Amino acid sequence: MDTIDYYNKNAKKYYDRTKEINLEDTWNKFISYLPERAEILDVGCGSGRDSRYFVEQGFDVTALDASKELCKLASIHIGQEVLHLKISELNFKEVFDGVWACDSLVHNTLSELEETMKRIINCMKPHGILYMSFKYGDFCGERNDRYYIDFNTRKMKDFLLKYHGISLVEIWKNSDVRAGREADLWLNVLVKKIR
């Protein structure tokens, strides 16, 4: 099954399962690097949970998702329109102070992710901040009807070396915050555009 088809067919179930997850520590770490009233791009916003928090904190948020069905649900949850757009269609030029990509780049192959990173970096203003997260590990391939790419710390640092004009701000692991999923580890990454 195609990944976008998966999310379209399972949109309500995914929305219900993820809309109340509290990532406040990570949200606040990300926004601590942003100027007041910053413009944030939420790439692959899913249920709209994160965008809603950022809007409530006074930020100007542009949310997008490749799943048309999730866009409908997230638009209601956030209280504003969500762009129906694939990450591969991103074409902004130095618009955003922050880009939030929580668990949304995980379905790319490595070559797709390399192209996606170029597009994301292009979206960011100089000194902009990117947050992204991946399952912690070495796995690449089909899992739960979708393609996944996982990262460990070394693999991520090596990946980031391919890009000029960015610097690694912080990288850390944490347990999944969902009940019963505490054994699942996530790799969190903050990157700054330096020019």
C-alpha atoms as a PDB file:
ATOM      1  CA  MET A   1       0.000   0.000   0.000  1.00  0.00           C
ATOM      2  CA  ASP A   2       1.232   3.508  -0.827  1.00  0.00           C
ATOM      3  CA  THR A   3       2.032   5.559   2.298  1.00  0.00           C
ATOM      4  CA  ILE A   4      -0.363   8.390   1.397  1.00  0.00           C
ATOM      5  CA  ASP A   5      -3.116   5.843   0.676  1.00  0.00           C
ATOM      6  CA  TYR A   6      -2.450   4.321   4.092  1.00  0.00           C
ATOM      7  CA  TYR A   7      -2.992   7.655   5.843  1.00  0.00           C
ATOM      8  CA  ASN A   8      -6.049   8.504   3.746  1.00  0.00           C
ATOM      9  CA  LYS A   9      -7.658   5.148   4.585  1.00  0.00           C
ATOM     10  CA  ASN A  10      -6.700   5.304   8.267  1.00  0.00           C
ATOM     11  CA  ALA A  11      -6.997   9.069   8.805  1.00  0.00           C
ATOM     12  CA  LYS A  12      -9.665   9.039  11.530  1.00  0.00           C
ATOM     13  CA  LYS A  13      -7.952   6.259  13.482  1.00  0.00           C
ATOM     14  CA  TYR A  14      -4.559   7.989  13.197  1.00  0.00           C
ATOM     15  CA  TYR A  15      -6.060  11.344  14.148  1.00  0.00           C
ATOM     16  CA  ASP A  16      -7.790   9.920  17.235  1.00  0.00           C
ATOM     17  CA  ARG A  17      -4.616   8.095  18.301  1.00  0.00           C
ATOM     18  CA  THR A  18      -2.271  11.086  17.973  1.00  0.00           C
ATOM     19  CA  LYS A  19      -4.185  14.340  18.538  1.00  0.00           C
ATOM     20  CA  GLU A  20      -3.783  14.349  22.344  1.00  0.00           C
ATOM     21  CA  ILE A  21      -0.133  13.240  22.594  1.00  0.00           C
ATOM     22  CA  ASN A  22       1.701  15.767  24.760  1.00  0.00           C
ATOM     23  CA  LEU A  23       5.128  16.763  23.443  1.00  0.00           C
ATOM     24  CA  GLU A  24       5.352  19.947  25.485  1.00  0.00           C
ATOM     25  CA  ASP A  25       9.017  19.499  26.456  1.00  0.00           C
ATOM     26  CA  THR A  26      10.014  19.099  22.807  1.00  0.00           C
ATOM     27  CA  TRP A  27       7.663  21.847  21.564  1.00  0.00           C
ATOM     28  CA  ASN A  28       9.132  24.273  24.086  1.00  0.00           C
ATOM     29  CA  LYS A  29      12.722  23.310  23.294  1.00  0.00           C
ATOM     30  CA  PHE A  30      12.051  24.041  19.600  1.00  0.00           C
ATOM     31  CA  ILE A  31      10.319  27.377  20.178  1.00  0.00           C
ATOM     32  CA  SER A  32      13.013  28.515  22.624  1.00  0.00           C
ATOM     33  CA  TYR A  33      15.241  28.982  19.553  1.00  0.00           C
ATOM     34  CA  LEU A  34      12.658  31.038  17.628  1.00  0.00           C
ATOM     35  CA  PRO A  35      11.989  34.779  17.641  1.00  0.00           C
ATOM     36  CA  GLU A  36       8.701  36.061  19.045  1.00  0.00           C
ATOM     37  CA  ARG A  37       5.782  35.603  16.636  1.00  0.00           C
ATOM     38  CA  ALA A  38       7.968  33.471  14.363  1.00  0.00           C
ATOM     39  CA  GLU A  39       6.664  31.862  11.194  1.00  0.00           C
ATOM     40  CA  ILE A  40       6.631  28.065  11.505  1.00  0.00           C
ATOM     41  CA  LEU A  41       6.133  25.441   8.804  1.00  0.00           C
ATOM     42  CA  ASP A  42       4.682  22.173  10.129  1.00  0.00           C
ATOM     43  CA  VAL A  43       5.710  19.580   7.548  1.00  0.00           C
ATOM     44  CA  GLY A  44       3.430  16.536   7.578  1.00  0.00           C
ATOM     45  CA  CYS A  45       1.227  17.915  10.337  1.00  0.00           C
ATOM     46  CA  GLY A  46      -0.888  14.748  10.713  1.00  0.00           C
ATOM     47  CA  SER A  47      -3.624  15.441  13.276  1.00  0.00           C
ATOM     48  CA  GLY A  48      -2.579  19.092  13.599  1.00  0.00           C
ATOM     49  CA  ARG A  49      -1.669  18.580  17.260  1.00  0.00           C
ATOM     50  CA  ASP A  50       1.684  20.381  17.079  1.00  0.00           C
ATOM     51  CA  SER A  51       0.435  23.228  14.874  1.00  0.00           C
ATOM     52  CA  ARG A  52      -2.390  23.847  17.297  1.00  0.00           C
ATOM     53  CA  TYR A  53       0.066  24.216  20.182  1.00  0.00           C
ATOM     54  CA  PHE A  54       2.242  26.630  18.203  1.00  0.00           C
ATOM     55  CA  VAL A  55      -0.781  28.732  17.181  1.00  0.00           C
ATOM     56  CA  GLU A  56      -1.862  28.861  20.837  1.00  0.00           C
ATOM     57  CA  GLN A  57       1.621  30.196  21.706  1.00  0.00           C
ATOM     58  CA  GLY A  58       1.165  33.080  19.251  1.00  0.00           C
ATOM     59  CA  PHE A  59       3.159  31.788  16.278  1.00  0.00           C
ATOM     60  CA  ASP A  60       2.164  32.146  12.623  1.00  0.00           C
ATOM     61  CA  VAL A  61       1.851  28.541  11.459  1.00  0.00           C
ATOM     62  CA  THR A  62       1.611  27.072   7.973  1.00  0.00           C
ATOM     63  CA  ALA A  63       0.634  23.406   8.209  1.00  0.00           C
ATOM     64  CA  LEU A  64       0.732  20.893   5.384  1.00  0.00           C
ATOM     65  CA  ASP A  65       0.164  17.206   4.858  1.00  0.00           C
ATOM     66  CA  ALA A  66       0.200  14.860   1.864  1.00  0.00           C
ATOM     67  CA  SER A  67      -2.948  13.055   3.059  1.00  0.00           C
ATOM     68  CA  LYS A  68      -6.108  14.816   1.904  1.00  0.00           C
ATOM     69  CA  GLU A  69      -8.158  13.152   4.653  1.00  0.00           C
ATOM     70  CA  LEU A  70      -5.746  14.198   7.398  1.00  0.00           C
ATOM     71  CA  CYS A  71      -5.753  17.753   6.005  1.00  0.00           C
ATOM     72  CA  LYS A  72      -9.525  17.899   6.559  1.00  0.00           C
ATOM     73  CA  LEU A  73      -9.298  16.661  10.156  1.00  0.00           C
ATOM     74  CA  ALA A  74      -6.246  18.776  11.020  1.00  0.00           C
ATOM     75  CA  SER A  75      -7.872  21.921   9.592  1.00  0.00           C
ATOM     76  CA  ILE A  76     -10.725  21.516  12.081  1.00  0.00           C
ATOM     77  CA  HIS A  77      -8.366  20.729  14.960  1.00  0.00           C
ATOM     78  CA  ILE A  78      -6.076  23.718  14.294  1.00  0.00           C
ATOM     79  CA  GLY A  79      -8.844  26.113  13.278  1.00  0.00           C
ATOM     80  CA  GLN A  80      -7.190  27.077  10.002  1.00  0.00           C
ATOM     81  CA  GLU A  81      -6.689  25.614   6.542  1.00  0.00           C
ATOM     82  CA  VAL A  82      -4.040  22.935   6.124  1.00  0.00           C
ATOM     83  CA  LEU A  83      -2.259  22.824   2.764  1.00  0.00           C
ATOM     84  CA  HIS A  84      -2.687  19.561   0.874  1.00  0.00           C
ATOM     85  CA  LEU A  85       0.889  19.271  -0.329  1.00  0.00           C
ATOM     86  CA  LYS A  86       3.579  16.605  -0.580  1.00  0.00           C
ATOM     87  CA  ILE A  87       6.941  17.473   0.939  1.00  0.00           C
ATOM     88  CA  SER A  88       8.452  16.888  -2.527  1.00  0.00           C
ATOM     89  CA  GLU A  89       6.303  19.819  -3.747  1.00  0.00           C
ATOM     90  CA  LEU A  90       7.676  22.324  -1.214  1.00  0.00           C
ATOM     91  CA  ASN A  91       8.725  25.441  -3.075  1.00  0.00           C
ATOM     92  CA  PHE A  92       9.064  28.194  -0.454  1.00  0.00           C
ATOM     93  CA  LYS A  93      12.162  30.416  -0.471  1.00  0.00           C
ATOM     94  CA  GLU A  94      13.482  31.666   2.902  1.00  0.00           C
ATOM     95  CA  VAL A  95      10.011  32.154   4.419  1.00  0.00           C
ATOM     96  CA  PHE A  96      10.120  30.335   7.761  1.00  0.00           C
ATOM     97  CA  ASP A  97      11.929  30.965  11.046  1.00  0.00           C
ATOM     98  CA  GLY A  98      11.247  27.384  12.073  1.00  0.00           C
ATOM     99  CA  VAL A  99      10.406  24.103  10.350  1.00  0.00           C
ATOM    100  CA  TRP A 100       8.804  21.364  12.448  1.00  0.00           C
ATOM    101  CA  ALA A 101       9.033  17.820  11.024  1.00  0.00           C
ATOM    102  CA  CYS A 102       7.923  15.546  13.843  1.00  0.00           C
ATOM    103  CA  ASP A 103       7.768  11.923  12.668  1.00  0.00           C
ATOM    104  CA  SER A 104       6.996  13.174   9.156  1.00  0.00           C
ATOM    105  CA  LEU A 105      10.213  12.482   7.231  1.00  0.00           C
ATOM    106  CA  VAL A 106      10.358   8.834   8.329  1.00  0.00           C
ATOM    107  CA  HIS A 107       8.669   7.479   5.190  1.00  0.00           C
ATOM    108  CA  ASN A 108      11.353   8.711   2.764  1.00  0.00           C
ATOM    109  CA  THR A 109      14.027   6.547   1.234  1.00  0.00           C
ATOM    110  CA  LEU A 110      17.523   7.930   1.857  1.00  0.00           C
ATOM    111  CA  SER A 111      17.686   9.487  -1.636  1.00  0.00           C
ATOM    112  CA  GLU A 112      14.223  11.047  -1.192  1.00  0.00           C
ATOM    113  CA  LEU A 113      15.255  12.383   2.204  1.00  0.00           C
ATOM    114  CA  GLU A 114      18.361  13.979   0.697  1.00  0.00           C
ATOM    115  CA  GLU A 115      16.170  15.893  -1.780  1.00  0.00           C
ATOM    116  CA  THR A 116      13.616  16.731   0.924  1.00  0.00           C
ATOM    117  CA  MET A 117      16.336  18.237   3.143  1.00  0.00           C
ATOM    118  CA  LYS A 118      17.390  20.568   0.316  1.00  0.00           C
ATOM    119  CA  ARG A 119      13.789  21.757  -0.047  1.00  0.00           C
ATOM    120  CA  ILE A 120      13.383  22.255   3.704  1.00  0.00           C
ATOM    121  CA  ILE A 121      16.651  24.179   4.020  1.00  0.00           C
ATOM    122  CA  ASN A 122      15.533  26.361   1.111  1.00  0.00           C
ATOM    123  CA  CYS A 123      12.286  27.165   3.005  1.00  0.00           C
ATOM    124  CA  MET A 124      14.160  28.453   6.032  1.00  0.00           C
ATOM    125  CA  LYS A 125      15.295  32.011   6.659  1.00  0.00           C
ATOM    126  CA  PRO A 126      18.958  32.467   7.589  1.00  0.00           C
ATOM    127  CA  HIS A 127      19.345  31.386  11.240  1.00  0.00           C
ATOM    128  CA  GLY A 128      16.132  29.360  10.951  1.00  0.00           C
ATOM    129  CA  ILE A 129      15.686  26.239  13.075  1.00  0.00           C
ATOM    130  CA  LEU A 130      14.639  22.767  11.885  1.00  0.00           C
ATOM    131  CA  TYR A 131      13.320  20.107  14.250  1.00  0.00           C
ATOM    132  CA  MET A 132      12.946  16.545  12.995  1.00  0.00           C
ATOM    133  CA  SER A 133      12.460  13.163  14.616  1.00  0.00           C
ATOM    134  CA  PHE A 134      12.960   9.564  13.564  1.00  0.00           C
ATOM    135  CA  LYS A 135      12.642   6.182  15.209  1.00  0.00           C
ATOM    136  CA  TYR A 136      16.008   5.348  16.765  1.00  0.00           C
ATOM    137  CA  GLY A 137      17.822   2.498  15.026  1.00  0.00           C
ATOM    138  CA  ASP A 138      19.305   1.246  11.762  1.00  0.00           C
ATOM    139  CA  PHE A 139      16.211  -0.123  10.029  1.00  0.00           C
ATOM    140  CA  CYS A 140      15.180   0.815   6.485  1.00  0.00           C
ATOM    141  CA  GLY A 141      12.245  -0.905   4.784  1.00  0.00           C
ATOM    142  CA  GLU A 142       8.583  -1.891   5.105  1.00  0.00           C
ATOM    143  CA  ARG A 143       7.050  -1.852   8.578  1.00  0.00           C
ATOM    144  CA  ASN A 144       3.315  -1.693   9.390  1.00  0.00           C
ATOM    145  CA  ASP A 145       2.338  -1.252   5.717  1.00  0.00           C
ATOM    146  CA  ARG A 146       4.649   1.749   5.213  1.00  0.00           C
ATOM    147  CA  TYR A 147       8.280   2.367   4.287  1.00  0.00           C
ATOM    148  CA  TYR A 148      10.435   3.620   7.183  1.00  0.00           C
ATOM    149  CA  ILE A 149      13.946   4.955   7.579  1.00  0.00           C
ATOM    150  CA  ASP A 150      15.356   4.969  11.114  1.00  0.00           C
ATOM    151  CA  PHE A 151      18.418   6.837  12.344  1.00  0.00           C
ATOM    152  CA  ASN A 152      20.927   6.445  15.130  1.00  0.00           C
ATOM    153  CA  THR A 153      23.111   9.344  16.262  1.00  0.00           C
ATOM    154  CA  ARG A 154      26.134   8.509  14.082  1.00  0.00           C
ATOM    155  CA  LYS A 155      24.055   7.908  10.958  1.00  0.00           C
ATOM    156  CA  MET A 156      22.258  11.243  11.465  1.00  0.00           C
ATOM    157  CA  LYS A 157      25.500  13.189  11.991  1.00  0.00           C
ATOM    158  CA  ASP A 158      26.926  11.639   8.816  1.00  0.00           C
ATOM    159  CA  PHE A 159      23.724  12.493   6.928  1.00  0.00           C
ATOM    160  CA  LEU A 160      23.848  16.152   8.007  1.00  0.00           C
ATOM    161  CA  LEU A 161      27.462  16.503   6.828  1.00  0.00           C
ATOM    162  CA  LYS A 162      26.138  16.421   3.252  1.00  0.00           C
ATOM    163  CA  TYR A 163      24.636  19.904   3.652  1.00  0.00           C
ATOM    164  CA  HIS A 164      26.549  23.157   3.680  1.00  0.00           C
ATOM    165  CA  GLY A 165      25.092  26.160   5.458  1.00  0.00           C
ATOM    166  CA  ILE A 166      23.579  24.245   8.372  1.00  0.00           C
ATOM    167  CA  SER A 167      24.887  23.265  11.783  1.00  0.00           C
ATOM    168  CA  LEU A 168      23.732  20.703  14.316  1.00  0.00           C
ATOM    169  CA  VAL A 169      22.358  22.454  17.407  1.00  0.00           C
ATOM    170  CA  GLU A 170      21.287  19.477  19.478  1.00  0.00           C
ATOM    171  CA  ILE A 171      20.604  15.760  19.116  1.00  0.00           C
ATOM    172  CA  TRP A 172      19.004  13.559  21.754  1.00  0.00           C
ATOM    173  CA  LYS A 173      17.137  10.309  22.323  1.00  0.00           C
ATOM    174  CA  ASN A 174      13.946   9.863  24.270  1.00  0.00           C
ATOM    175  CA  SER A 175      11.332   7.202  24.943  1.00  0.00           C
ATOM    176  CA  ASP A 176       7.993   7.258  23.171  1.00  0.00           C
ATOM    177  CA  VAL A 177       5.550   9.246  25.333  1.00  0.00           C
ATOM    178  CA  ARG A 178       2.584   7.011  24.456  1.00  0.00           C
ATOM    179  CA  ALA A 179       1.459   4.569  27.139  1.00  0.00           C
ATOM    180  CA  GLY A 180       2.714   1.061  26.426  1.00  0.00           C
ATOM    181  CA  ARG A 181       5.276   2.327  23.885  1.00  0.00           C
ATOM    182  CA  GLU A 182       7.961   3.479  26.326  1.00  0.00           C
ATOM    183  CA  ALA A 183      10.458   0.914  24.990  1.00  0.00           C
ATOM    184  CA  ASP A 184      10.373   2.610  21.561  1.00  0.00           C
ATOM    185  CA  LEU A 185      13.145   5.177  21.237  1.00  0.00           C
ATOM    186  CA  TRP A 186      13.140   8.334  19.111  1.00  0.00           C
ATOM    187  CA  LEU A 187      16.021  10.403  17.784  1.00  0.00           C
ATOM    188  CA  ASN A 188      15.359  14.147  17.982  1.00  0.00           C
ATOM    189  CA  VAL A 189      17.407  16.633  15.980  1.00  0.00           C
ATOM    190  CA  LEU A 190      17.645  20.434  15.991  1.00  0.00           C
ATOM    191  CA  VAL A 191      19.514  22.026  13.091  1.00  0.00           C
ATOM    192  CA  LYS A 192      20.240  25.703  12.413  1.00  0.00           C
ATOM    193  CA  LYS A 193      20.596  27.333   9.005  1.00  0.00           C
ATOM    194  CA  ILE A 194      23.689  29.484   9.262  1.00  0.00           C
ATOM    195  CA  ARG A 195      23.396  31.348   5.971  1.00  0.00           C
END
